[in-house]
Amino acid sequence: MKKKTKRFDFKPIGQAVKAVRESRGLTREQLAEVMELAPRYIMSIENKGQHPSFQVFYKLVSMFDISVDQYLFPDSPAERSTRRRQLDRLLDSLDEKDY
């Protein structure tokens, strides 16, 4: 008898991608163009939790500085949250004169 494997729920990560994309003022079409994907595929990832390929997954989380630890290991405290990683990136982009 085949053992039934529980499938990972990608929807929270997809929603995080959508939130960051929108906060940066990117449309789904613009992101799809940058990623060389169909806008409909991006919509499925963001809204339906479609499982992307590993390459697409990696590109999305690295492009938007999304920490996946909180999704993959929900019972463990994350070293740095997604929000913290995004704030660190913004702070790192400031010049001394911007302080």
PDB file of N, CA and C in Angstrom:
ATOM      1  N   MET A   1       0.838  -1.178   0.000  1.00  0.00           N
ATOM      2  CA  MET A   1       0.000   0.000   0.000  1.00  0.00           C
ATOM      3  C   MET A   1       0.888   1.249   0.000  1.00  0.00           C
ATOM      4  N   LYS A   2       0.547   2.211  -0.822  1.00  0.00           N
ATOM      5  CA  LYS A   2       1.313   3.432  -0.949  1.00  0.00           C
ATOM      6  C   LYS A   2       0.995   4.384   0.205  1.00  0.00           C
ATOM      7  N   LYS A   3       2.047   4.919   0.819  1.00  0.00           N
ATOM      8  CA  LYS A   3       1.873   5.849   1.925  1.00  0.00           C
ATOM      9  C   LYS A   3       1.512   7.233   1.377  1.00  0.00           C
ATOM     10  N   LYS A   4       0.487   7.833   1.934  1.00  0.00           N
ATOM     11  CA  LYS A   4       0.046   9.147   1.498  1.00  0.00           C
ATOM     12  C   LYS A   4       0.944  10.214   2.124  1.00  0.00           C
ATOM     13  N   THR A   5       1.495  11.077   1.284  1.00  0.00           N
ATOM     14  CA  THR A   5       2.383  12.134   1.738  1.00  0.00           C
ATOM     15  C   THR A   5       1.626  13.449   1.791  1.00  0.00           C
ATOM     16  N   LYS A   6       1.797  14.152   2.892  1.00  0.00           N
ATOM     17  CA  LYS A   6       1.153  15.452   3.029  1.00  0.00           C
ATOM     18  C   LYS A   6       1.876  16.458   2.139  1.00  0.00           C
ATOM     19  N   ARG A   7       1.126  17.200   1.367  1.00  0.00           N
ATOM     20  CA  ARG A   7       1.680  18.177   0.447  1.00  0.00           C
ATOM     21  C   ARG A   7       1.865  19.515   1.156  1.00  0.00           C
ATOM     22  N   PHE A   8       2.996  20.157   0.903  1.00  0.00           N
ATOM     23  CA  PHE A   8       3.314  21.456   1.505  1.00  0.00           C
ATOM     24  C   PHE A   8       2.338  22.515   0.998  1.00  0.00           C
ATOM     25  N   ASP A   9       1.813  23.331   1.898  1.00  0.00           N
ATOM     26  CA  ASP A   9       0.898  24.415   1.545  1.00  0.00           C
ATOM     27  C   ASP A   9       1.722  25.641   1.161  1.00  0.00           C
ATOM     28  N   PHE A  10       1.788  25.903  -0.128  1.00  0.00           N
ATOM     29  CA  PHE A  10       2.598  27.015  -0.635  1.00  0.00           C
ATOM     30  C   PHE A  10       1.862  28.350  -0.579  1.00  0.00           C
ATOM     31  N   LYS A  11       0.588  28.331  -0.271  1.00  0.00           N
ATOM     32  CA  LYS A  11      -0.228  29.549  -0.326  1.00  0.00           C
ATOM     33  C   LYS A  11       0.326  30.699   0.538  1.00  0.00           C
ATOM     34  N   PRO A  12       0.762  30.476   1.786  1.00  0.00           N
ATOM     35  CA  PRO A  12       1.303  31.603   2.563  1.00  0.00           C
ATOM     36  C   PRO A  12       2.543  32.237   1.925  1.00  0.00           C
ATOM     37  N   ILE A  13       3.387  31.445   1.306  1.00  0.00           N
ATOM     38  CA  ILE A  13       4.562  32.014   0.637  1.00  0.00           C
ATOM     39  C   ILE A  13       4.117  32.796  -0.596  1.00  0.00           C
ATOM     40  N   GLY A  14       3.156  32.257  -1.333  1.00  0.00           N
ATOM     41  CA  GLY A  14       2.622  32.968  -2.491  1.00  0.00           C
ATOM     42  C   GLY A  14       2.017  34.303  -2.098  1.00  0.00           C
ATOM     43  N   GLN A  15       1.326  34.330  -0.973  1.00  0.00           N
ATOM     44  CA  GLN A  15       0.731  35.580  -0.497  1.00  0.00           C
ATOM     45  C   GLN A  15       1.809  36.572  -0.055  1.00  0.00           C
ATOM     46  N   ALA A  16       2.906  36.062   0.503  1.00  0.00           N
ATOM     47  CA  ALA A  16       4.025  36.932   0.874  1.00  0.00           C
ATOM     48  C   ALA A  16       4.660  37.543  -0.375  1.00  0.00           C
ATOM     49  N   VAL A  17       4.793  36.742  -1.430  1.00  0.00           N
ATOM     50  CA  VAL A  17       5.326  37.245  -2.697  1.00  0.00           C
ATOM     51  C   VAL A  17       4.433  38.369  -3.217  1.00  0.00           C
ATOM     52  N   LYS A  18       3.141  38.148  -3.183  1.00  0.00           N
ATOM     53  CA  LYS A  18       2.182  39.146  -3.671  1.00  0.00           C
ATOM     54  C   LYS A  18       2.284  40.435  -2.857  1.00  0.00           C
ATOM     55  N   ALA A  19       2.355  40.314  -1.539  1.00  0.00           N
ATOM     56  CA  ALA A  19       2.420  41.497  -0.673  1.00  0.00           C
ATOM     57  C   ALA A  19       3.674  42.322  -0.960  1.00  0.00           C
ATOM     58  N   VAL A  20       4.803  41.652  -1.103  1.00  0.00           N
ATOM     59  CA  VAL A  20       6.045  42.382  -1.371  1.00  0.00           C
ATOM     60  C   VAL A  20       6.010  42.996  -2.772  1.00  0.00           C
ATOM     61  N   ARG A  21       5.526  42.234  -3.734  1.00  0.00           N
ATOM     62  CA  ARG A  21       5.427  42.745  -5.113  1.00  0.00           C
ATOM     63  C   ARG A  21       4.598  44.024  -5.128  1.00  0.00           C
ATOM     64  N   GLU A  22       3.443  43.981  -4.493  1.00  0.00           N
ATOM     65  CA  GLU A  22       2.559  45.149  -4.460  1.00  0.00           C
ATOM     66  C   GLU A  22       3.187  46.313  -3.697  1.00  0.00           C
ATOM     67  N   SER A  23       3.895  46.017  -2.603  1.00  0.00           N
ATOM     68  CA  SER A  23       4.519  47.088  -1.823  1.00  0.00           C
ATOM     69  C   SER A  23       5.624  47.787  -2.611  1.00  0.00           C
ATOM     70  N   ARG A  24       6.197  47.091  -3.559  1.00  0.00           N
ATOM     71  CA  ARG A  24       7.234  47.686  -4.412  1.00  0.00           C
ATOM     72  C   ARG A  24       6.654  48.325  -5.671  1.00  0.00           C
ATOM     73  N   GLY A  25       5.341  48.306  -5.794  1.00  0.00           N
ATOM     74  CA  GLY A  25       4.693  48.949  -6.924  1.00  0.00           C
ATOM     75  C   GLY A  25       4.819  48.200  -8.238  1.00  0.00           C
ATOM     76  N   LEU A  26       5.079  46.905  -8.163  1.00  0.00           N
ATOM     77  CA  LEU A  26       5.184  46.084  -9.372  1.00  0.00           C
ATOM     78  C   LEU A  26       3.844  45.449  -9.698  1.00  0.00           C
ATOM     79  N   THR A  27       3.493  45.457 -10.956  1.00  0.00           N
ATOM     80  CA  THR A  27       2.300  44.727 -11.373  1.00  0.00           C
ATOM     81  C   THR A  27       2.693  43.268 -11.586  1.00  0.00           C
ATOM     82  N   ARG A  28       1.706  42.429 -11.634  1.00  0.00           N
ATOM     83  CA  ARG A  28       1.938  41.012 -11.918  1.00  0.00           C
ATOM     84  C   ARG A  28       2.578  40.858 -13.301  1.00  0.00           C
ATOM     85  N   GLU A  29       2.150  41.672 -14.236  1.00  0.00           N
ATOM     86  CA  GLU A  29       2.686  41.615 -15.598  1.00  0.00           C
ATOM     87  C   GLU A  29       4.157  42.012 -15.629  1.00  0.00           C
ATOM     88  N   GLN A  30       4.525  43.034 -14.854  1.00  0.00           N
ATOM     89  CA  GLN A  30       5.931  43.457 -14.794  1.00  0.00           C
ATOM     90  C   GLN A  30       6.805  42.364 -14.194  1.00  0.00           C
ATOM     91  N   LEU A  31       6.328  41.755 -13.109  1.00  0.00           N
ATOM     92  CA  LEU A  31       7.082  40.669 -12.493  1.00  0.00           C
ATOM     93  C   LEU A  31       7.222  39.500 -13.459  1.00  0.00           C
ATOM     94  N   ALA A  32       6.143  39.169 -14.141  1.00  0.00           N
ATOM     95  CA  ALA A  32       6.175  38.056 -15.096  1.00  0.00           C
ATOM     96  C   ALA A  32       7.193  38.321 -16.206  1.00  0.00           C
ATOM     97  N   GLU A  33       7.258  39.568 -16.646  1.00  0.00           N
ATOM     98  CA  GLU A  33       8.216  39.921 -17.693  1.00  0.00           C
ATOM     99  C   GLU A  33       9.654  39.753 -17.202  1.00  0.00           C
ATOM    100  N   VAL A  34       9.930  40.238 -16.003  1.00  0.00           N
ATOM    101  CA  VAL A  34      11.267  40.108 -15.424  1.00  0.00           C
ATOM    102  C   VAL A  34      11.645  38.635 -15.245  1.00  0.00           C
ATOM    103  N   MET A  35      10.666  37.845 -14.816  1.00  0.00           N
ATOM    104  CA  MET A  35      10.908  36.429 -14.541  1.00  0.00           C
ATOM    105  C   MET A  35      10.825  35.561 -15.798  1.00  0.00           C
ATOM    106  N   GLU A  36      10.364  36.173 -16.900  1.00  0.00           N
ATOM    107  CA  GLU A  36      10.156  35.445 -18.153  1.00  0.00           C
ATOM    108  C   GLU A  36       9.147  34.304 -17.958  1.00  0.00           C
ATOM    109  N   LEU A  37       8.033  34.674 -17.320  1.00  0.00           N
ATOM    110  CA  LEU A  37       6.943  33.738 -17.057  1.00  0.00           C
ATOM    111  C   LEU A  37       5.627  34.377 -17.485  1.00  0.00           C
ATOM    112  N   ALA A  38       4.597  33.597 -17.540  1.00  0.00           N
ATOM    113  CA  ALA A  38       3.273  34.115 -17.862  1.00  0.00           C
ATOM    114  C   ALA A  38       2.667  34.769 -16.616  1.00  0.00           C
ATOM    115  N   PRO A  39       1.997  35.912 -16.767  1.00  0.00           N
ATOM    116  CA  PRO A  39       1.348  36.559 -15.629  1.00  0.00           C
ATOM    117  C   PRO A  39       0.356  35.628 -14.923  1.00  0.00           C
ATOM    118  N   ARG A  40      -0.285  34.774 -15.688  1.00  0.00           N
ATOM    119  CA  ARG A  40      -1.253  33.826 -15.116  1.00  0.00           C
ATOM    120  C   ARG A  40      -0.563  32.838 -14.162  1.00  0.00           C
ATOM    121  N   TYR A  41       0.669  32.456 -14.491  1.00  0.00           N
ATOM    122  CA  TYR A  41       1.446  31.554 -13.631  1.00  0.00           C
ATOM    123  C   TYR A  41       1.776  32.260 -12.307  1.00  0.00           C
ATOM    124  N   ILE A  42       2.177  33.533 -12.392  1.00  0.00           N
ATOM    125  CA  ILE A  42       2.454  34.321 -11.181  1.00  0.00           C
ATOM    126  C   ILE A  42       1.184  34.420 -10.335  1.00  0.00           C
ATOM    127  N   MET A  43       0.044  34.661 -10.983  1.00  0.00           N
ATOM    128  CA  MET A  43      -1.227  34.742 -10.267  1.00  0.00           C
ATOM    129  C   MET A  43      -1.529  33.429  -9.540  1.00  0.00           C
ATOM    130  N   SER A  44      -1.280  32.310 -10.188  1.00  0.00           N
ATOM    131  CA  SER A  44      -1.538  31.004  -9.562  1.00  0.00           C
ATOM    132  C   SER A  44      -0.650  30.778  -8.346  1.00  0.00           C
ATOM    133  N   ILE A  45       0.583  31.220  -8.429  1.00  0.00           N
ATOM    134  CA  ILE A  45       1.501  31.086  -7.289  1.00  0.00           C
ATOM    135  C   ILE A  45       1.010  31.958  -6.136  1.00  0.00           C
ATOM    136  N   GLU A  46       0.679  33.213  -6.437  1.00  0.00           N
ATOM    137  CA  GLU A  46       0.281  34.168  -5.400  1.00  0.00           C
ATOM    138  C   GLU A  46      -1.073  33.850  -4.774  1.00  0.00           C
ATOM    139  N   ASN A  47      -2.049  33.509  -5.584  1.00  0.00           N
ATOM    140  CA  ASN A  47      -3.418  33.377  -5.082  1.00  0.00           C
ATOM    141  C   ASN A  47      -3.860  31.952  -4.783  1.00  0.00           C
ATOM    142  N   LYS A  48      -3.334  30.996  -5.512  1.00  0.00           N
ATOM    143  CA  LYS A  48      -3.791  29.618  -5.353  1.00  0.00           C
ATOM    144  C   LYS A  48      -2.765  28.719  -4.675  1.00  0.00           C
ATOM    145  N   GLY A  49      -1.560  29.260  -4.440  1.00  0.00           N
ATOM    146  CA  GLY A  49      -0.536  28.455  -3.793  1.00  0.00           C
ATOM    147  C   GLY A  49       0.051  27.375  -4.685  1.00  0.00           C
ATOM    148  N   GLN A  50       0.025  27.632  -6.012  1.00  0.00           N
ATOM    149  CA  GLN A  50       0.619  26.660  -6.934  1.00  0.00           C
ATOM    150  C   GLN A  50       2.091  26.493  -6.609  1.00  0.00           C
ATOM    151  N   HIS A  51       2.563  25.268  -6.645  1.00  0.00           N
ATOM    152  CA  HIS A  51       3.961  24.973  -6.368  1.00  0.00           C
ATOM    153  C   HIS A  51       4.801  25.321  -7.589  1.00  0.00           C
ATOM    154  N   PRO A  52       5.693  26.309  -7.481  1.00  0.00           N
ATOM    155  CA  PRO A  52       6.557  26.645  -8.604  1.00  0.00           C
ATOM    156  C   PRO A  52       7.743  25.680  -8.663  1.00  0.00           C
ATOM    157  N   SER A  53       8.471  25.726  -9.751  1.00  0.00           N
ATOM    158  CA  SER A  53       9.714  24.956  -9.817  1.00  0.00           C
ATOM    159  C   SER A  53      10.674  25.534  -8.776  1.00  0.00           C
ATOM    160  N   PHE A  54      11.691  24.786  -8.449  1.00  0.00           N
ATOM    161  CA  PHE A  54      12.652  25.276  -7.459  1.00  0.00           C
ATOM    162  C   PHE A  54      13.325  26.549  -7.955  1.00  0.00           C
ATOM    163  N   GLN A  55      13.649  26.618  -9.244  1.00  0.00           N
ATOM    164  CA  GLN A  55      14.310  27.800  -9.803  1.00  0.00           C
ATOM    165  C   GLN A  55      13.429  29.042  -9.653  1.00  0.00           C
ATOM    166  N   VAL A  56      12.148  28.911  -9.945  1.00  0.00           N
ATOM    167  CA  VAL A  56      11.220  30.031  -9.815  1.00  0.00           C
ATOM    168  C   VAL A  56      11.071  30.413  -8.339  1.00  0.00           C
ATOM    169  N   PHE A  57      10.931  29.418  -7.486  1.00  0.00           N
ATOM    170  CA  PHE A  57      10.828  29.645  -6.043  1.00  0.00           C
ATOM    171  C   PHE A  57      12.043  30.429  -5.540  1.00  0.00           C
ATOM    172  N   TYR A  58      13.229  29.966  -5.889  1.00  0.00           N
ATOM    173  CA  TYR A  58      14.469  30.610  -5.439  1.00  0.00           C
ATOM    174  C   TYR A  58      14.555  32.048  -5.941  1.00  0.00           C
ATOM    175  N   LYS A  59      14.218  32.255  -7.195  1.00  0.00           N
ATOM    176  CA  LYS A  59      14.305  33.595  -7.778  1.00  0.00           C
ATOM    177  C   LYS A  59      13.326  34.548  -7.079  1.00  0.00           C
ATOM    178  N   LEU A  60      12.115  34.087  -6.811  1.00  0.00           N
ATOM    179  CA  LEU A  60      11.123  34.934  -6.150  1.00  0.00           C
ATOM    180  C   LEU A  60      11.551  35.316  -4.738  1.00  0.00           C
ATOM    181  N   VAL A  61      11.951  34.333  -3.931  1.00  0.00           N
ATOM    182  CA  VAL A  61      12.284  34.644  -2.535  1.00  0.00           C
ATOM    183  C   VAL A  61      13.570  35.451  -2.432  1.00  0.00           C
ATOM    184  N   SER A  62      14.520  35.234  -3.343  1.00  0.00           N
ATOM    185  CA  SER A  62      15.746  36.025  -3.281  1.00  0.00           C
ATOM    186  C   SER A  62      15.523  37.430  -3.834  1.00  0.00           C
ATOM    187  N   MET A  63      14.707  37.571  -4.881  1.00  0.00           N
ATOM    188  CA  MET A  63      14.405  38.881  -5.465  1.00  0.00           C
ATOM    189  C   MET A  63      13.685  39.776  -4.457  1.00  0.00           C
ATOM    190  N   PHE A  64      12.793  39.188  -3.661  1.00  0.00           N
ATOM    191  CA  PHE A  64      11.982  39.958  -2.730  1.00  0.00           C
ATOM    192  C   PHE A  64      12.440  39.836  -1.275  1.00  0.00           C
ATOM    193  N   ASP A  65      13.600  39.219  -1.041  1.00  0.00           N
ATOM    194  CA  ASP A  65      14.141  39.070   0.319  1.00  0.00           C
ATOM    195  C   ASP A  65      13.130  38.462   1.273  1.00  0.00           C
ATOM    196  N   ILE A  66      12.508  37.377   0.856  1.00  0.00           N
ATOM    197  CA  ILE A  66      11.525  36.695   1.683  1.00  0.00           C
ATOM    198  C   ILE A  66      12.209  35.568   2.451  1.00  0.00           C
ATOM    199  N   SER A  67      12.108  35.612   3.763  1.00  0.00           N
ATOM    200  CA  SER A  67      12.652  34.547   4.597  1.00  0.00           C
ATOM    201  C   SER A  67      11.653  33.395   4.618  1.00  0.00           C
ATOM    202  N   VAL A  68      12.061  32.245   4.138  1.00  0.00           N
ATOM    203  CA  VAL A  68      11.138  31.109   4.078  1.00  0.00           C
ATOM    204  C   VAL A  68      11.172  30.264   5.343  1.00  0.00           C
ATOM    205  N   ASP A  69      12.086  30.531   6.243  1.00  0.00           N
ATOM    206  CA  ASP A  69      12.180  29.752   7.480  1.00  0.00           C
ATOM    207  C   ASP A  69      10.858  29.735   8.239  1.00  0.00           C
ATOM    208  N   GLN A  70      10.201  30.875   8.310  1.00  0.00           N
ATOM    209  CA  GLN A  70       8.951  30.965   9.063  1.00  0.00           C
ATOM    210  C   GLN A  70       7.857  30.091   8.456  1.00  0.00           C
ATOM    211  N   TYR A  71       7.978  29.755   7.179  1.00  0.00           N
ATOM    212  CA  TYR A  71       6.990  28.904   6.506  1.00  0.00           C
ATOM    213  C   TYR A  71       7.401  27.429   6.534  1.00  0.00           C
ATOM    214  N   LEU A  72       8.700  27.185   6.392  1.00  0.00           N
ATOM    215  CA  LEU A  72       9.182  25.805   6.367  1.00  0.00           C
ATOM    216  C   LEU A  72       9.313  25.209   7.762  1.00  0.00           C
ATOM    217  N   PHE A  73       9.654  26.049   8.733  1.00  0.00           N
ATOM    218  CA  PHE A  73       9.845  25.596  10.114  1.00  0.00           C
ATOM    219  C   PHE A  73       9.022  26.478  11.053  1.00  0.00           C
ATOM    220  N   PRO A  74       7.703  26.368  10.996  1.00  0.00           N
ATOM    221  CA  PRO A  74       6.848  27.291  11.758  1.00  0.00           C
ATOM    222  C   PRO A  74       7.009  27.200  13.273  1.00  0.00           C
ATOM    223  N   ASP A  75       7.517  26.084  13.785  1.00  0.00           N
ATOM    224  CA  ASP A  75       7.662  25.934  15.234  1.00  0.00           C
ATOM    225  C   ASP A  75       9.002  26.438  15.748  1.00  0.00           C
ATOM    226  N   SER A  76       9.892  26.837  14.847  1.00  0.00           N
ATOM    227  CA  SER A  76      11.205  27.352  15.233  1.00  0.00           C
ATOM    228  C   SER A  76      11.240  28.861  15.022  1.00  0.00           C
ATOM    229  N   PRO A  77      11.861  29.579  15.955  1.00  0.00           N
ATOM    230  CA  PRO A  77      11.949  31.029  15.754  1.00  0.00           C
ATOM    231  C   PRO A  77      12.874  31.337  14.574  1.00  0.00           C
ATOM    232  N   ALA A  78      12.432  32.237  13.700  1.00  0.00           N
ATOM    233  CA  ALA A  78      13.227  32.611  12.530  1.00  0.00           C
ATOM    234  C   ALA A  78      14.386  33.490  12.961  1.00  0.00           C
ATOM    235  N   GLU A  79      15.529  33.291  12.309  1.00  0.00           N
ATOM    236  CA  GLU A  79      16.689  34.117  12.613  1.00  0.00           C
ATOM    237  C   GLU A  79      16.399  35.574  12.256  1.00  0.00           C
ATOM    238  N   ARG A  80      15.906  35.788  11.035  1.00  0.00           N
ATOM    239  CA  ARG A  80      15.502  37.121  10.603  1.00  0.00           C
ATOM    240  C   ARG A  80      14.217  36.987   9.797  1.00  0.00           C
ATOM    241  N   SER A  81      13.225  37.756  10.169  1.00  0.00           N
ATOM    242  CA  SER A  81      11.942  37.698   9.473  1.00  0.00           C
ATOM    243  C   SER A  81      12.053  38.347   8.103  1.00  0.00           C
ATOM    244  N   THR A  82      11.051  38.112   7.290  1.00  0.00           N
ATOM    245  CA  THR A  82      11.001  38.726   5.968  1.00  0.00           C
ATOM    246  C   THR A  82      11.049  40.237   6.086  1.00  0.00           C
ATOM    247  N   ARG A  83      10.247  40.799   6.968  1.00  0.00           N
ATOM    248  CA  ARG A  83      10.215  42.258   7.152  1.00  0.00           C
ATOM    249  C   ARG A  83      11.600  42.767   7.546  1.00  0.00           C
ATOM    250  N   ARG A  84      12.284  42.058   8.450  1.00  0.00           N
ATOM    251  CA  ARG A  84      13.622  42.478   8.893  1.00  0.00           C
ATOM    252  C   ARG A  84      14.614  42.449   7.739  1.00  0.00           C
ATOM    253  N   ARG A  85      14.553  41.405   6.918  1.00  0.00           N
ATOM    254  CA  ARG A  85      15.452  41.295   5.767  1.00  0.00           C
ATOM    255  C   ARG A  85      15.211  42.445   4.782  1.00  0.00           C
ATOM    256  N   GLN A  86      13.956  42.797   4.570  1.00  0.00           N
ATOM    257  CA  GLN A  86      13.633  43.885   3.649  1.00  0.00           C
ATOM    258  C   GLN A  86      14.096  45.234   4.203  1.00  0.00           C
ATOM    259  N   LEU A  87      13.920  45.451   5.502  1.00  0.00           N
ATOM    260  CA  LEU A  87      14.395  46.688   6.119  1.00  0.00           C
ATOM    261  C   LEU A  87      15.913  46.781   6.070  1.00  0.00           C
ATOM    262  N   ASP A  88      16.596  45.674   6.332  1.00  0.00           N
ATOM    263  CA  ASP A  88      18.056  45.658   6.247  1.00  0.00           C
ATOM    264  C   ASP A  88      18.527  46.013   4.844  1.00  0.00           C
ATOM    265  N   ARG A  89      17.842  45.493   3.818  1.00  0.00           N
ATOM    266  CA  ARG A  89      18.209  45.793   2.435  1.00  0.00           C
ATOM    267  C   ARG A  89      18.040  47.278   2.150  1.00  0.00           C
ATOM    268  N   LEU A  90      16.936  47.868   2.634  1.00  0.00           N
ATOM    269  CA  LEU A  90      16.722  49.301   2.440  1.00  0.00           C
ATOM    270  C   LEU A  90      17.773  50.135   3.164  1.00  0.00           C
ATOM    271  N   LEU A  91      18.086  49.763   4.389  1.00  0.00           N
ATOM    272  CA  LEU A  91      19.105  50.491   5.140  1.00  0.00           C
ATOM    273  C   LEU A  91      20.477  50.385   4.470  1.00  0.00           C
ATOM    274  N   ASP A  92      20.789  49.216   3.950  1.00  0.00           N
ATOM    275  CA  ASP A  92      22.071  49.021   3.274  1.00  0.00           C
ATOM    276  C   ASP A  92      22.185  49.856   2.004  1.00  0.00           C
ATOM    277  N   SER A  93      21.050  50.226   1.420  1.00  0.00           N
ATOM    278  CA  SER A  93      21.075  50.993   0.177  1.00  0.00           C
ATOM    279  C   SER A  93      21.250  52.497   0.418  1.00  0.00           C
ATOM    280  N   LEU A  94      21.148  52.951   1.665  1.00  0.00           N
ATOM    281  CA  LEU A  94      21.286  54.377   1.976  1.00  0.00           C
ATOM    282  C   LEU A  94      22.745  54.808   1.969  1.00  0.00           C
ATOM    283  N   ASP A  95      22.987  56.035   1.505  1.00  0.00           N
ATOM    284  CA  ASP A  95      24.307  56.650   1.596  1.00  0.00           C
ATOM    285  C   ASP A  95      24.465  57.275   2.965  1.00  0.00           C
ATOM    286  N   GLU A  96      25.691  57.627   3.321  1.00  0.00           N
ATOM    287  CA  GLU A  96      25.931  58.324   4.588  1.00  0.00           C
ATOM    288  C   GLU A  96      25.134  59.617   4.659  1.00  0.00           C
ATOM    289  N   LYS A  97      24.992  60.311   3.520  1.00  0.00           N
ATOM    290  CA  LYS A  97      24.276  61.594   3.507  1.00  0.00           C
ATOM    291  C   LYS A  97      22.774  61.410   3.732  1.00  0.00           C
ATOM    292  N   ASP A  98      22.258  60.175   3.530  1.00  0.00           N
ATOM    293  CA  ASP A  98      20.845  59.905   3.728  1.00  0.00           C
ATOM    294  C   ASP A  98      20.477  59.726   5.188  1.00  0.00           C
ATOM    295  N   TYR A  99      21.447  59.574   6.051  1.00  0.00           N
ATOM    296  CA  TYR A  99      21.158  59.332   7.465  1.00  0.00           C
ATOM    297  C   TYR A  99      20.654  60.555   8.117  1.00  0.00           C
TER     298      TYR A  99
END
